[in-house]
Amino acid sequence: MNHIVLTKVEPTAEEIQFMEDRLYEHNSTRTGKDDGQLFGFFIRNEKQEIVAGLSGWTWAQACQIQTLWVHPSLRGQGYGERLLDAAEQEARVRGCQIIMLESYSFQAPGFYQKHGYELAYQLQDFPPGHQNNFLVKRLE
């Protein structure tokens, strides 16, 4: 490593995955926990197009929901609740004790709170004029 060059790029999916794998290796080494798994649930229409979905991961008895999206024409019809229930059930099956997620103030923090998530922290003006809400639910 005699010649090191800093480059600015729009990263590829492979480059991002490389970095995430290295960080996971570090975290696993430090904690002794190597049980990380991704999960995803999708709702598709008759054309097999994704119209709603949720993705996240579990590791070390913890779960993080990274994305939950429902097509605007299907919102308010219970699809988000079905996805959230499926994720919570998967987390329980994997032995998780806690779930964490983020939701901007213009997204759906109230939806999550209605489903038992508590506001753990609210970052003001991120993005400017809005809040980034960190919500947590303890599983039984």
Protein backbone atom coordinates (compact mmCIF):
# COMPACT_ATOMS: atom_id res chain seq x y z
CA MET A 1 0.00 0.00 0.00
CA ASN A 2 2.75 2.43 -0.88
CA HIS A 3 0.63 4.36 -3.34
CA ILE A 4 -2.76 5.40 -1.97
CA VAL A 5 -5.15 7.50 -4.04
CA LEU A 6 -8.36 9.14 -2.86
CA THR A 7 -11.01 9.03 -5.57
CA LYS A 8 -14.44 10.56 -5.69
CA VAL A 9 -17.01 8.44 -7.50
CA GLU A 10 -20.66 7.60 -7.55
CA PRO A 11 -20.29 4.17 -5.94
CA THR A 12 -21.53 1.03 -7.58
CA ALA A 13 -23.71 -1.47 -5.75
CA GLU A 14 -20.69 -3.77 -5.61
CA GLU A 15 -18.49 -1.11 -4.01
CA ILE A 16 -21.12 -0.35 -1.39
CA GLN A 17 -21.55 -4.07 -0.69
CA PHE A 18 -17.77 -4.41 -0.31
CA MET A 19 -17.74 -1.68 2.35
CA GLU A 20 -20.76 -3.13 4.15
CA ASP A 21 -19.13 -6.58 4.20
CA ARG A 22 -15.92 -5.16 5.72
CA LEU A 23 -17.89 -3.28 8.38
CA TYR A 24 -19.91 -6.42 9.18
CA GLU A 25 -16.66 -8.39 9.56
CA HIS A 26 -15.37 -5.76 11.98
CA ASN A 27 -18.60 -5.68 13.99
CA SER A 28 -18.75 -9.47 14.17
CA THR A 29 -15.15 -9.70 15.33
CA ARG A 30 -15.70 -7.07 18.03
CA THR A 31 -18.97 -8.56 19.35
CA GLY A 32 -18.52 -12.27 18.68
CA LYS A 33 -21.89 -12.23 16.88
CA ASP A 34 -21.93 -13.53 13.30
CA ASP A 35 -25.63 -14.23 12.75
CA GLY A 36 -26.50 -11.32 10.46
CA GLN A 37 -29.17 -11.94 7.84
CA LEU A 38 -31.10 -9.75 5.44
CA PHE A 39 -34.85 -10.09 4.92
CA GLY A 40 -37.45 -8.67 2.58
CA PHE A 41 -41.18 -8.92 2.01
CA PHE A 42 -42.89 -7.77 -1.15
CA ILE A 43 -46.44 -7.33 -2.36
CA ARG A 44 -46.85 -7.67 -6.11
CA ASN A 45 -49.69 -6.94 -8.49
CA GLU A 46 -51.01 -9.23 -11.21
CA LYS A 47 -48.10 -8.20 -13.48
CA GLN A 48 -45.64 -9.23 -10.71
CA GLU A 49 -44.61 -5.60 -10.23
CA ILE A 50 -43.67 -4.62 -6.71
CA VAL A 51 -46.38 -2.35 -5.31
CA ALA A 52 -45.23 -2.47 -1.69
CA GLY A 53 -42.25 -3.81 0.17
CA LEU A 54 -40.13 -3.86 3.27
CA SER A 55 -36.48 -4.75 3.79
CA GLY A 56 -34.13 -4.91 6.70
CA TRP A 57 -31.71 -7.06 8.62
CA THR A 58 -31.25 -8.92 11.86
CA TRP A 59 -28.02 -9.31 13.81
CA ALA A 60 -27.09 -9.93 17.44
CA GLN A 61 -30.71 -10.16 18.64
CA ALA A 62 -31.51 -6.81 17.03
CA CYS A 63 -33.46 -5.89 13.91
CA GLN A 64 -33.38 -2.82 11.74
CA ILE A 65 -36.07 -2.07 9.21
CA GLN A 66 -34.35 -0.08 6.48
CA THR A 67 -37.15 0.51 3.99
CA LEU A 68 -40.92 0.27 3.95
CA TRP A 69 -42.72 1.58 0.89
CA VAL A 70 -46.30 1.30 -0.35
CA HIS A 71 -47.44 2.62 -3.73
CA PRO A 72 -49.40 5.86 -3.18
CA SER A 73 -52.61 4.38 -4.64
CA LEU A 74 -52.51 1.55 -2.06
CA ARG A 75 -51.72 3.53 1.08
CA GLY A 76 -54.22 3.38 3.92
CA GLN A 77 -55.42 -0.09 2.92
CA GLY A 78 -53.43 -2.17 5.41
CA TYR A 79 -50.49 -3.15 3.22
CA GLY A 80 -47.95 -1.32 5.37
CA GLU A 81 -49.35 -2.98 8.46
CA ARG A 82 -49.09 -6.43 6.84
CA LEU A 83 -45.47 -5.77 5.91
CA LEU A 84 -44.61 -4.45 9.36
CA ASP A 85 -46.28 -7.45 11.04
CA ALA A 86 -44.32 -9.82 8.79
CA ALA A 87 -41.03 -8.10 9.68
CA GLU A 88 -41.80 -8.22 13.39
CA GLN A 89 -42.66 -11.90 13.18
CA GLU A 90 -39.41 -12.61 11.29
CA ALA A 91 -37.46 -10.70 13.93
CA ARG A 92 -39.06 -12.78 16.68
CA VAL A 93 -38.31 -16.04 14.84
CA ARG A 94 -34.67 -14.94 14.62
CA GLY A 95 -34.53 -14.23 18.35
CA CYS A 96 -34.50 -10.44 18.18
CA GLN A 97 -35.41 -8.43 21.24
CA ILE A 98 -35.60 -5.00 19.65
CA ILE A 99 -36.42 -3.35 16.31
CA MET A 100 -35.16 0.05 15.22
CA LEU A 101 -36.13 2.16 12.21
CA GLU A 102 -35.96 5.71 10.94
CA SER A 103 -38.79 7.80 9.52
CA TYR A 104 -38.64 11.41 8.39
CA SER A 105 -41.36 13.69 9.73
CA PHE A 106 -42.92 13.83 6.24
CA GLN A 107 -43.02 10.04 5.98
CA ALA A 108 -44.87 7.95 8.57
CA PRO A 109 -43.63 8.28 12.16
CA GLY A 110 -47.25 8.32 13.36
CA PHE A 111 -47.91 5.01 11.57
CA TYR A 112 -45.07 3.35 13.46
CA GLN A 113 -46.10 4.88 16.79
CA LYS A 114 -49.62 3.56 16.21
CA HIS A 115 -48.03 0.11 15.95
CA GLY A 116 -46.13 0.29 19.23
CA TYR A 117 -42.90 2.02 18.21
CA GLU A 118 -41.58 4.65 20.58
CA LEU A 119 -39.67 7.75 19.58
CA ALA A 120 -36.13 7.21 20.85
CA TYR A 121 -34.57 10.29 19.28
CA GLN A 122 -35.53 13.08 16.92
CA LEU A 123 -32.85 14.83 14.88
CA GLN A 124 -34.00 18.35 14.07
CA ASP A 125 -33.49 19.98 10.67
CA PHE A 126 -32.45 16.78 8.93
CA PRO A 127 -33.24 17.53 6.19
CA PRO A 128 -33.66 21.27 6.80
CA GLY A 129 -37.19 22.08 7.94
CA HIS A 130 -37.93 18.46 8.87
CA GLN A 131 -36.97 15.87 11.46
CA ASN A 132 -35.45 12.42 11.24
CA ASN A 133 -37.18 10.21 13.81
CA PHE A 134 -35.51 7.15 15.31
CA LEU A 135 -38.15 4.73 16.56
CA VAL A 136 -37.78 1.58 18.62
CA LYS A 137 -40.00 -1.33 19.55
CA ARG A 138 -39.08 -3.92 22.15
CA LEU A 139 -40.25 -7.41 21.32
CA GLU A 140 -41.59 -9.88 23.83
